[in-house]
Structures are given as structure tokens and as C-alpha cells.
Amino acid sequence: MGAPRQPASGSGQGPHPAEAPVVDGATAARLLRHAGLKVTRQRTDLLQLLMSDNGRRLTPEQLHSAAIAAGVRTSLATVYNTLGRLAEHGLLRRIVADDRKTFFDPVPQHHSHLYIEGTGELRDLPDRWFDLEEISRRLGGVDAGKVEVLVRIRSSAGLSAADGEDGAERGGKKAARS
């Protein structure tokens, strides 16, 4: 496959708060072995593509298109199967945005997202918006070990075009009031 290609621009997806590392083929193979998965060329190539853009979240269809554009010969069924296995083994996180769209996130740590239904975009929301201690207090003192929120909005009207946390800040605050 060679050097990973950058996915098409214009996705509206900013970098992750904890960015996924850009990996080469040897590193991808090591990650697969460490997770207990058989190392195959397709798995290695697909994992490289997923990690090539600092944690861009992709649907199986988006990854399949990126793979074809990068010269990786694979079927959509193989992409679906590979993503499922990578998620089962903790290398990816499955995010169900709605009943028709599932994303796979190469940063498996729990964090929150903003899903824009009109554009199909998935953006990160800053962890600091969701205070674990405050949530635990409001739940009567129970230990809220982690918080993961998916905020859905209908359109991106009024959101900043900025891809960084500043854009998510404005977008998320608006979304929280919707």
C-alpha cells in the first residue's frame, strides 16, 4: 500500500482530543498481533487508512472508498467484517449515530460526539463539558465511571466551519440548547 493517503478534505471532521497515532504497516501489524488478531494485508492496510488522519471517524462505506482510492483491493463486505473485528478487539470504537449510520473511531477511549444529521458529520465534543463529579453528585453519589454522550442536531446552520476544538465548542453549545 505504501504511505497512507490523506482522506478527502471537506469532511468537516476535526482532530480528536486524543489523536490517533499515524501508523505504518509494521506498527499496524504489531497492533493487530497485540490485540490477538491474525495479521492480513487487508487488515493492515485498512488499519493504516483509519489511523492516517489523526483519528478521523469513518463509516464502512467511507473507508471502502478511501481504500479503493489508495489502491487497496478489498470488498465492502471485507471492510465491514474487518471493522467489526477491530472494534471487538478494542482497536476501534463503534459509534452508532442513527439507525442507518455507524462510524468507527480509531481512538477507542470514551469521549463524546456531535452528530450533524443533515451532513452526516461526526465531531468530537470536549470532555470538560461533562463533569464526572457533577454527574455523580446529581445521580445521588453513584460512581459514574465514564461519560459518553452523542448529541444529535439536524443541521450545521450556525456552527463554525472551524475544525478544531473552538469549532466544536461553538457547535456543541448551540447543540446543547437545541
N, C-alpha and C. Protein backbone atom coordinates (compact mmCIF):
# COMPACT_ATOMS: atom_id res chain seq x y z
N MET A 1 0.82 -1.19 0.00
CA MET A 1 0.00 0.00 0.00
C MET A 1 0.86 1.24 0.00
N GLY A 2 2.00 1.21 0.62
CA GLY A 2 2.86 2.39 0.69
C GLY A 2 2.40 3.35 1.76
N ALA A 3 2.78 4.61 1.59
CA ALA A 3 2.41 5.63 2.58
C ALA A 3 0.91 5.85 2.55
N PRO A 4 0.29 5.99 3.74
CA PRO A 4 -1.15 6.20 3.76
C PRO A 4 -1.52 7.52 3.12
N ARG A 5 -2.58 7.51 2.35
CA ARG A 5 -3.08 8.73 1.75
C ARG A 5 -3.97 9.47 2.71
N GLN A 6 -4.03 10.76 2.56
CA GLN A 6 -4.94 11.55 3.37
C GLN A 6 -6.35 11.40 2.80
N PRO A 7 -7.35 11.21 3.65
CA PRO A 7 -8.72 11.13 3.16
C PRO A 7 -9.12 12.44 2.50
N ALA A 8 -10.15 12.38 1.71
CA ALA A 8 -10.63 13.56 1.01
C ALA A 8 -10.95 14.67 2.00
N SER A 9 -10.58 15.89 1.63
CA SER A 9 -10.87 17.02 2.50
C SER A 9 -12.35 17.37 2.41
N GLY A 10 -12.77 18.27 3.29
CA GLY A 10 -14.16 18.69 3.27
C GLY A 10 -15.05 17.82 4.11
N SER A 11 -14.47 16.95 4.93
CA SER A 11 -15.29 16.07 5.76
C SER A 11 -15.91 16.80 6.92
N GLY A 12 -15.34 17.97 7.29
CA GLY A 12 -15.86 18.70 8.44
C GLY A 12 -15.51 18.06 9.76
N GLN A 13 -14.65 17.11 9.74
CA GLN A 13 -14.28 16.42 10.97
C GLN A 13 -12.94 16.93 11.44
N GLY A 14 -12.91 17.45 12.64
CA GLY A 14 -11.67 17.96 13.20
C GLY A 14 -10.89 16.85 13.86
N PRO A 15 -9.70 17.19 14.35
CA PRO A 15 -8.88 16.19 15.02
C PRO A 15 -9.49 15.77 16.34
N HIS A 16 -9.10 14.61 16.79
CA HIS A 16 -9.57 14.09 18.07
C HIS A 16 -8.92 14.83 19.22
N PRO A 17 -9.58 14.83 20.39
CA PRO A 17 -8.94 15.38 21.57
C PRO A 17 -7.71 14.55 21.93
N ALA A 18 -7.79 13.26 21.78
CA ALA A 18 -6.64 12.37 21.95
C ALA A 18 -6.40 11.77 20.58
N GLU A 19 -5.50 12.36 19.82
CA GLU A 19 -5.37 11.98 18.43
C GLU A 19 -4.83 10.57 18.27
N ALA A 20 -5.36 9.87 17.28
CA ALA A 20 -4.87 8.54 16.96
C ALA A 20 -3.50 8.69 16.31
N PRO A 21 -2.58 7.80 16.63
CA PRO A 21 -1.27 7.91 16.02
C PRO A 21 -1.32 7.52 14.55
N VAL A 22 -0.52 8.17 13.73
CA VAL A 22 -0.38 7.76 12.35
C VAL A 22 0.54 6.55 12.37
N VAL A 23 0.12 5.47 11.75
CA VAL A 23 0.89 4.23 11.84
C VAL A 23 1.36 3.77 10.46
N ASP A 24 2.49 3.08 10.45
CA ASP A 24 2.99 2.45 9.23
C ASP A 24 2.54 0.98 9.25
N GLY A 25 2.90 0.25 8.20
CA GLY A 25 2.46 -1.14 8.09
C GLY A 25 2.96 -2.02 9.23
N ALA A 26 4.23 -1.82 9.64
CA ALA A 26 4.78 -2.64 10.72
C ALA A 26 4.07 -2.37 12.04
N THR A 27 3.76 -1.10 12.30
CA THR A 27 3.06 -0.74 13.53
C THR A 27 1.64 -1.29 13.51
N ALA A 28 0.98 -1.20 12.36
CA ALA A 28 -0.38 -1.74 12.23
C ALA A 28 -0.36 -3.25 12.49
N ALA A 29 0.62 -3.94 11.95
CA ALA A 29 0.73 -5.39 12.16
C ALA A 29 0.95 -5.70 13.65
N ARG A 30 1.80 -4.90 14.30
CA ARG A 30 2.05 -5.11 15.73
C ARG A 30 0.78 -4.89 16.54
N LEU A 31 -0.01 -3.85 16.21
CA LEU A 31 -1.27 -3.59 16.91
C LEU A 31 -2.24 -4.76 16.73
N LEU A 32 -2.31 -5.29 15.53
CA LEU A 32 -3.18 -6.44 15.26
C LEU A 32 -2.76 -7.65 16.09
N ARG A 33 -1.45 -7.95 16.08
CA ARG A 33 -0.95 -9.10 16.86
C ARG A 33 -1.22 -8.90 18.35
N HIS A 34 -0.96 -7.69 18.84
CA HIS A 34 -1.16 -7.40 20.27
C HIS A 34 -2.64 -7.58 20.67
N ALA A 35 -3.55 -7.29 19.74
CA ALA A 35 -4.98 -7.45 20.01
C ALA A 35 -5.44 -8.90 19.83
N GLY A 36 -4.53 -9.77 19.40
CA GLY A 36 -4.89 -11.18 19.23
C GLY A 36 -5.53 -11.48 17.89
N LEU A 37 -5.33 -10.60 16.92
CA LEU A 37 -5.90 -10.81 15.59
C LEU A 37 -4.84 -11.32 14.62
N LYS A 38 -5.27 -12.12 13.67
CA LYS A 38 -4.39 -12.56 12.61
C LYS A 38 -4.02 -11.36 11.75
N VAL A 39 -2.76 -11.26 11.40
CA VAL A 39 -2.29 -10.15 10.57
C VAL A 39 -2.49 -10.53 9.11
N THR A 40 -3.32 -9.75 8.42
CA THR A 40 -3.50 -9.92 6.98
C THR A 40 -3.19 -8.60 6.31
N ARG A 41 -2.89 -8.65 5.04
CA ARG A 41 -2.57 -7.43 4.29
C ARG A 41 -3.75 -6.46 4.32
N GLN A 42 -4.96 -6.96 4.13
CA GLN A 42 -6.12 -6.09 4.12
C GLN A 42 -6.34 -5.44 5.48
N ARG A 43 -6.24 -6.20 6.56
CA ARG A 43 -6.40 -5.62 7.89
C ARG A 43 -5.34 -4.55 8.16
N THR A 44 -4.12 -4.86 7.78
CA THR A 44 -3.03 -3.91 7.98
C THR A 44 -3.29 -2.63 7.18
N ASP A 45 -3.65 -2.78 5.92
CA ASP A 45 -3.91 -1.61 5.08
C ASP A 45 -5.10 -0.79 5.60
N LEU A 46 -6.18 -1.46 5.99
CA LEU A 46 -7.36 -0.74 6.48
C LEU A 46 -7.06 -0.03 7.79
N LEU A 47 -6.31 -0.66 8.68
CA LEU A 47 -5.94 -0.02 9.94
C LEU A 47 -5.06 1.20 9.68
N GLN A 48 -4.13 1.09 8.73
CA GLN A 48 -3.31 2.25 8.36
C GLN A 48 -4.18 3.40 7.86
N LEU A 49 -5.14 3.10 7.00
CA LEU A 49 -6.02 4.15 6.48
C LEU A 49 -6.82 4.82 7.60
N LEU A 50 -7.31 4.02 8.53
CA LEU A 50 -8.08 4.57 9.64
C LEU A 50 -7.25 5.50 10.51
N MET A 51 -5.98 5.18 10.66
CA MET A 51 -5.12 5.96 11.54
C MET A 51 -4.35 7.04 10.79
N SER A 52 -4.61 7.22 9.51
CA SER A 52 -3.79 8.13 8.69
C SER A 52 -4.18 9.59 8.83
N ASP A 53 -5.27 9.89 9.48
CA ASP A 53 -5.72 11.29 9.53
C ASP A 53 -6.04 11.72 10.96
N ASN A 54 -5.17 11.40 11.90
CA ASN A 54 -5.33 11.82 13.29
C ASN A 54 -6.72 11.54 13.85
N GLY A 55 -7.20 10.35 13.65
CA GLY A 55 -8.43 9.95 14.30
C GLY A 55 -9.71 10.31 13.59
N ARG A 56 -9.69 10.37 12.29
CA ARG A 56 -10.92 10.63 11.54
C ARG A 56 -11.86 9.44 11.69
N ARG A 57 -13.09 9.72 12.05
CA ARG A 57 -14.09 8.67 12.19
C ARG A 57 -14.70 8.38 10.83
N LEU A 58 -14.79 7.11 10.47
CA LEU A 58 -15.28 6.74 9.16
C LEU A 58 -16.39 5.71 9.25
N THR A 59 -17.30 5.77 8.28
CA THR A 59 -18.27 4.70 8.11
C THR A 59 -17.58 3.61 7.27
N PRO A 60 -18.13 2.41 7.27
CA PRO A 60 -17.54 1.36 6.41
C PRO A 60 -17.49 1.78 4.94
N GLU A 61 -18.52 2.46 4.47
CA GLU A 61 -18.54 2.90 3.07
C GLU A 61 -17.44 3.92 2.80
N GLN A 62 -17.23 4.85 3.74
CA GLN A 62 -16.16 5.84 3.57
C GLN A 62 -14.79 5.18 3.56
N LEU A 63 -14.59 4.21 4.45
CA LEU A 63 -13.30 3.51 4.48
C LEU A 63 -13.10 2.70 3.21
N HIS A 64 -14.15 2.07 2.72
CA HIS A 64 -14.04 1.31 1.48
C HIS A 64 -13.63 2.23 0.33
N SER A 65 -14.25 3.40 0.23
CA SER A 65 -13.90 4.36 -0.82
C SER A 65 -12.45 4.82 -0.68
N ALA A 66 -12.02 5.10 0.56
CA ALA A 66 -10.64 5.53 0.79
C ALA A 66 -9.66 4.41 0.43
N ALA A 67 -10.04 3.17 0.72
CA ALA A 67 -9.18 2.03 0.40
C ALA A 67 -9.02 1.89 -1.11
N ILE A 68 -10.12 1.97 -1.83
CA ILE A 68 -10.06 1.85 -3.28
C ILE A 68 -9.20 2.98 -3.86
N ALA A 69 -9.39 4.21 -3.36
CA ALA A 69 -8.60 5.35 -3.84
C ALA A 69 -7.11 5.17 -3.54
N ALA A 70 -6.79 4.45 -2.46
CA ALA A 70 -5.39 4.23 -2.09
C ALA A 70 -4.81 2.98 -2.76
N GLY A 71 -5.61 2.31 -3.59
CA GLY A 71 -5.12 1.14 -4.29
C GLY A 71 -5.21 -0.15 -3.51
N VAL A 72 -6.00 -0.17 -2.44
CA VAL A 72 -6.19 -1.38 -1.64
C VAL A 72 -7.35 -2.15 -2.25
N ARG A 73 -7.08 -3.37 -2.67
CA ARG A 73 -8.13 -4.20 -3.26
C ARG A 73 -8.88 -4.90 -2.14
N THR A 74 -10.13 -4.51 -1.95
CA THR A 74 -10.95 -5.10 -0.90
C THR A 74 -12.42 -4.90 -1.24
N SER A 75 -13.24 -5.74 -0.69
CA SER A 75 -14.68 -5.61 -0.90
C SER A 75 -15.29 -4.87 0.28
N LEU A 76 -16.49 -4.35 0.09
CA LEU A 76 -17.20 -3.68 1.17
C LEU A 76 -17.50 -4.67 2.30
N ALA A 77 -17.81 -5.91 1.97
CA ALA A 77 -18.06 -6.93 2.99
C ALA A 77 -16.82 -7.16 3.86
N THR A 78 -15.65 -7.18 3.24
CA THR A 78 -14.41 -7.35 3.99
C THR A 78 -14.18 -6.16 4.91
N VAL A 79 -14.49 -4.96 4.44
CA VAL A 79 -14.34 -3.77 5.27
C VAL A 79 -15.26 -3.87 6.49
N TYR A 80 -16.52 -4.22 6.27
CA TYR A 80 -17.46 -4.39 7.38
C TYR A 80 -16.94 -5.42 8.39
N ASN A 81 -16.52 -6.58 7.89
CA ASN A 81 -16.03 -7.64 8.77
C ASN A 81 -14.78 -7.20 9.54
N THR A 82 -13.86 -6.55 8.84
CA THR A 82 -12.63 -6.09 9.48
C THR A 82 -12.92 -5.06 10.56
N LEU A 83 -13.77 -4.09 10.26
CA LEU A 83 -14.11 -3.08 11.26
C LEU A 83 -14.76 -3.70 12.49
N GLY A 84 -15.64 -4.66 12.26
CA GLY A 84 -16.28 -5.33 13.39
C GLY A 84 -15.26 -6.05 14.27
N ARG A 85 -14.33 -6.76 13.65
CA ARG A 85 -13.29 -7.47 14.41
C ARG A 85 -12.38 -6.49 15.15
N LEU A 86 -11.99 -5.40 14.48
CA LEU A 86 -11.12 -4.42 15.14
C LEU A 86 -11.82 -3.78 16.33
N ALA A 87 -13.12 -3.53 16.21
CA ALA A 87 -13.88 -2.97 17.33
C ALA A 87 -14.02 -3.99 18.46
N GLU A 88 -14.31 -5.25 18.12
CA GLU A 88 -14.43 -6.30 19.13
C GLU A 88 -13.15 -6.47 19.94
N HIS A 89 -12.01 -6.22 19.32
CA HIS A 89 -10.72 -6.40 19.98
C HIS A 89 -10.15 -5.10 20.54
N GLY A 90 -10.96 -4.05 20.58
CA GLY A 90 -10.56 -2.82 21.26
C GLY A 90 -9.66 -1.87 20.49
N LEU A 91 -9.45 -2.11 19.20
CA LEU A 91 -8.62 -1.20 18.42
C LEU A 91 -9.41 -0.01 17.89
N LEU A 92 -10.71 -0.18 17.79
CA LEU A 92 -11.61 0.87 17.31
C LEU A 92 -12.80 0.95 18.24
N ARG A 93 -13.53 2.02 18.11
CA ARG A 93 -14.76 2.20 18.85
C ARG A 93 -15.90 2.34 17.85
N ARG A 94 -16.95 1.58 18.03
CA ARG A 94 -18.14 1.64 17.17
C ARG A 94 -19.06 2.72 17.73
N ILE A 95 -19.49 3.65 16.87
CA ILE A 95 -20.39 4.73 17.28
C ILE A 95 -21.61 4.68 16.36
N VAL A 96 -22.76 4.34 16.93
CA VAL A 96 -23.99 4.27 16.15
C VAL A 96 -24.64 5.64 16.22
N ALA A 97 -24.57 6.37 15.10
CA ALA A 97 -25.11 7.73 15.06
C ALA A 97 -26.62 7.72 14.88
N ASP A 98 -27.12 6.83 14.08
CA ASP A 98 -28.56 6.63 13.91
C ASP A 98 -28.79 5.24 13.35
N ASP A 99 -30.01 4.91 13.02
CA ASP A 99 -30.29 3.54 12.58
C ASP A 99 -29.72 3.21 11.20
N ARG A 100 -29.18 4.20 10.50
CA ARG A 100 -28.60 3.96 9.19
C ARG A 100 -27.11 4.24 9.10
N LYS A 101 -26.52 4.83 10.14
CA LYS A 101 -25.13 5.25 10.03
C LYS A 101 -24.34 4.86 11.27
N THR A 102 -23.29 4.09 11.05
CA THR A 102 -22.37 3.70 12.11
C THR A 102 -20.97 4.14 11.72
N PHE A 103 -20.29 4.78 12.65
CA PHE A 103 -18.92 5.22 12.45
C PHE A 103 -18.00 4.30 13.25
N PHE A 104 -16.74 4.24 12.81
CA PHE A 104 -15.71 3.54 13.56
C PHE A 104 -14.62 4.56 13.87
N ASP A 105 -14.30 4.66 15.14
CA ASP A 105 -13.41 5.68 15.66
C ASP A 105 -12.09 5.04 16.05
N PRO A 106 -10.96 5.50 15.48
CA PRO A 106 -9.68 4.89 15.81
C PRO A 106 -9.13 5.32 17.18
N VAL A 107 -9.85 6.14 17.90
CA VAL A 107 -9.47 6.47 19.27
C VAL A 107 -10.50 5.79 20.17
N PRO A 108 -10.15 4.61 20.72
CA PRO A 108 -11.15 3.81 21.43
C PRO A 108 -11.51 4.31 22.83
N GLN A 109 -10.79 5.28 23.37
CA GLN A 109 -11.14 5.80 24.69
C GLN A 109 -12.52 6.47 24.63
N HIS A 110 -13.24 6.40 25.74
CA HIS A 110 -14.56 7.01 25.80
C HIS A 110 -14.45 8.52 25.65
N HIS A 111 -15.24 9.07 24.77
CA HIS A 111 -15.37 10.52 24.62
C HIS A 111 -16.69 10.79 23.90
N SER A 112 -17.12 12.04 23.91
CA SER A 112 -18.44 12.40 23.42
C SER A 112 -18.37 12.99 22.02
N HIS A 113 -19.50 12.92 21.32
CA HIS A 113 -19.56 13.34 19.93
C HIS A 113 -20.79 14.20 19.63
N LEU A 114 -20.68 14.96 18.57
CA LEU A 114 -21.76 15.75 18.00
C LEU A 114 -22.01 15.19 16.60
N TYR A 115 -23.24 14.74 16.35
CA TYR A 115 -23.60 14.20 15.04
C TYR A 115 -24.54 15.17 14.36
N ILE A 116 -24.17 15.59 13.14
CA ILE A 116 -24.97 16.53 12.37
C ILE A 116 -25.71 15.72 11.31
N GLU A 117 -27.01 15.53 11.54
CA GLU A 117 -27.81 14.66 10.67
C GLU A 117 -27.83 15.13 9.23
N GLY A 118 -27.94 16.43 9.00
CA GLY A 118 -28.06 16.95 7.65
C GLY A 118 -26.84 16.71 6.78
N THR A 119 -25.65 16.66 7.38
CA THR A 119 -24.43 16.46 6.62
C THR A 119 -23.80 15.09 6.85
N GLY A 120 -24.26 14.38 7.88
CA GLY A 120 -23.67 13.09 8.20
C GLY A 120 -22.32 13.20 8.88
N GLU A 121 -21.99 14.37 9.40
CA GLU A 121 -20.70 14.58 10.06
C GLU A 121 -20.75 14.15 11.52
N LEU A 122 -19.62 13.68 12.00
CA LEU A 122 -19.46 13.33 13.40
C LEU A 122 -18.25 14.09 13.92
N ARG A 123 -18.45 14.90 14.95
CA ARG A 123 -17.38 15.70 15.54
C ARG A 123 -17.24 15.34 17.01
N ASP A 124 -16.06 15.58 17.54
CA ASP A 124 -15.83 15.37 18.97
C ASP A 124 -16.32 16.55 19.78
N LEU A 125 -16.76 16.26 21.00
CA LEU A 125 -17.09 17.29 21.98
C LEU A 125 -16.06 17.20 23.10
N PRO A 126 -15.64 18.33 23.64
CA PRO A 126 -14.62 18.31 24.70
C PRO A 126 -15.11 17.60 25.96
N ASP A 127 -14.23 16.81 26.55
CA ASP A 127 -14.55 16.08 27.78
C ASP A 127 -14.95 17.03 28.91
N ARG A 128 -14.37 18.20 28.93
CA ARG A 128 -14.62 19.12 30.05
C ARG A 128 -16.08 19.60 30.10
N TRP A 129 -16.84 19.37 29.05
CA TRP A 129 -18.26 19.74 29.07
C TRP A 129 -19.06 18.81 29.96
N PHE A 130 -18.51 17.66 30.28
CA PHE A 130 -19.25 16.64 31.01
C PHE A 130 -18.47 16.30 32.28
N ASP A 131 -18.76 17.02 33.34
CA ASP A 131 -18.05 16.89 34.61
C ASP A 131 -18.51 15.63 35.34
N LEU A 132 -17.62 14.66 35.45
CA LEU A 132 -17.94 13.38 36.07
C LEU A 132 -18.39 13.53 37.52
N GLU A 133 -17.73 14.39 38.26
CA GLU A 133 -18.10 14.60 39.67
C GLU A 133 -19.51 15.18 39.79
N GLU A 134 -19.84 16.14 38.93
CA GLU A 134 -21.17 16.75 38.96
C GLU A 134 -22.23 15.73 38.57
N ILE A 135 -21.96 14.93 37.58
CA ILE A 135 -22.91 13.90 37.17
C ILE A 135 -23.11 12.90 38.30
N SER A 136 -22.03 12.46 38.92
CA SER A 136 -22.13 11.53 40.05
C SER A 136 -22.96 12.13 41.18
N ARG A 137 -22.72 13.42 41.48
CA ARG A 137 -23.47 14.10 42.54
C ARG A 137 -24.96 14.13 42.22
N ARG A 138 -25.29 14.47 40.98
CA ARG A 138 -26.70 14.55 40.58
C ARG A 138 -27.38 13.19 40.56
N LEU A 139 -26.60 12.13 40.44
CA LEU A 139 -27.16 10.77 40.46
C LEU A 139 -27.19 10.19 41.87
N GLY A 140 -27.01 11.04 42.86
CA GLY A 140 -27.10 10.58 44.24
C GLY A 140 -25.81 9.98 44.77
N GLY A 141 -24.69 10.34 44.17
CA GLY A 141 -23.41 9.88 44.66
C GLY A 141 -22.91 8.58 44.04
N VAL A 142 -23.64 8.03 43.07
CA VAL A 142 -23.16 6.81 42.43
C VAL A 142 -21.89 7.12 41.65
N ASP A 143 -21.07 6.11 41.48
CA ASP A 143 -19.81 6.28 40.76
C ASP A 143 -20.09 6.22 39.26
N ALA A 144 -20.06 7.40 38.62
CA ALA A 144 -20.19 7.45 37.17
C ALA A 144 -18.78 7.30 36.60
N GLY A 145 -18.41 6.08 36.26
CA GLY A 145 -17.05 5.78 35.85
C GLY A 145 -16.61 6.44 34.56
N LYS A 146 -17.54 6.65 33.65
CA LYS A 146 -17.22 7.30 32.38
C LYS A 146 -18.47 7.95 31.82
N VAL A 147 -18.27 8.94 31.01
CA VAL A 147 -19.38 9.63 30.37
C VAL A 147 -19.14 9.62 28.87
N GLU A 148 -20.15 9.19 28.15
CA GLU A 148 -20.09 9.19 26.70
C GLU A 148 -21.44 9.69 26.21
N VAL A 149 -21.42 10.81 25.50
CA VAL A 149 -22.64 11.46 25.05
C VAL A 149 -22.59 11.60 23.53
N LEU A 150 -23.72 11.35 22.89
CA LEU A 150 -23.87 11.62 21.46
C LEU A 150 -24.98 12.64 21.33
N VAL A 151 -24.62 13.85 20.93
CA VAL A 151 -25.58 14.92 20.71
C VAL A 151 -25.91 14.94 19.23
N ARG A 152 -27.20 14.87 18.90
CA ARG A 152 -27.63 14.91 17.50
C ARG A 152 -28.29 16.25 17.21
N ILE A 153 -27.89 16.87 16.11
CA ILE A 153 -28.55 18.08 15.65
C ILE A 153 -28.96 17.88 14.19
N ARG A 154 -29.96 18.62 13.75
CA ARG A 154 -30.47 18.42 12.39
C ARG A 154 -29.58 19.02 11.32
N SER A 155 -29.04 20.22 11.57
CA SER A 155 -28.21 20.86 10.55
C SER A 155 -27.05 21.58 11.21
N SER A 156 -26.10 21.93 10.38
CA SER A 156 -24.93 22.63 10.89
C SER A 156 -25.09 24.15 10.79
N ALA A 157 -26.28 24.62 10.46
CA ALA A 157 -26.51 26.06 10.37
C ALA A 157 -26.15 26.70 11.70
N GLY A 158 -25.29 27.70 11.66
CA GLY A 158 -24.87 28.40 12.86
C GLY A 158 -23.62 27.83 13.49
N LEU A 159 -23.18 26.66 13.04
CA LEU A 159 -21.93 26.10 13.56
C LEU A 159 -20.76 26.75 12.85
N SER A 160 -19.66 26.83 13.53
CA SER A 160 -18.44 27.34 12.94
C SER A 160 -17.89 26.32 11.95
N ALA A 161 -17.25 26.79 10.93
CA ALA A 161 -16.59 25.90 9.99
C ALA A 161 -15.25 25.42 10.53
N ALA A 162 -14.82 25.97 11.67
CA ALA A 162 -13.54 25.58 12.25
C ALA A 162 -13.54 24.10 12.59
N ASP A 163 -12.44 23.43 12.33
CA ASP A 163 -12.35 22.00 12.60
C ASP A 163 -11.84 21.70 14.00
N GLY A 164 -11.24 22.64 14.67
CA GLY A 164 -10.63 22.37 15.96
C GLY A 164 -11.64 22.42 17.09
N GLU A 165 -11.14 22.37 18.29
CA GLU A 165 -11.99 22.37 19.48
C GLU A 165 -12.81 23.65 19.56
N ASP A 166 -12.27 24.77 19.06
CA ASP A 166 -13.05 26.01 19.09
C ASP A 166 -14.33 25.86 18.30
N GLY A 167 -14.25 25.18 17.14
CA GLY A 167 -15.46 24.95 16.35
C GLY A 167 -16.42 24.04 17.07
N ALA A 168 -15.89 23.00 17.71
CA ALA A 168 -16.75 22.08 18.46
C ALA A 168 -17.36 22.79 19.66
N GLU A 169 -16.60 23.70 20.26
CA GLU A 169 -17.11 24.47 21.40
C GLU A 169 -18.38 25.22 20.99
N ARG A 170 -18.29 25.97 19.92
CA ARG A 170 -19.45 26.74 19.48
C ARG A 170 -20.57 25.81 19.05
N GLY A 171 -20.22 24.76 18.28
CA GLY A 171 -21.23 23.84 17.79
C GLY A 171 -21.93 23.11 18.93
N GLY A 172 -21.17 22.63 19.90
CA GLY A 172 -21.75 21.86 20.99
C GLY A 172 -22.63 22.71 21.87
N LYS A 173 -22.22 23.98 22.14
CA LYS A 173 -23.05 24.84 22.98
C LYS A 173 -24.38 25.10 22.30
N LYS A 174 -24.32 25.36 21.01
CA LYS A 174 -25.57 25.57 20.28
C LYS A 174 -26.42 24.29 20.31
N ALA A 175 -25.75 23.15 20.12
CA ALA A 175 -26.47 21.88 20.10
C ALA A 175 -27.10 21.58 21.45
N ALA A 176 -26.40 21.93 22.52
CA ALA A 176 -26.93 21.64 23.85
C ALA A 176 -28.21 22.42 24.12
N ARG A 177 -28.39 23.57 23.46
CA ARG A 177 -29.59 24.38 23.66
C ARG A 177 -30.73 23.97 22.75
N SER A 178 -30.45 23.20 21.70
CA SER A 178 -31.48 22.83 20.72
C SER A 178 -32.56 22.00 21.35
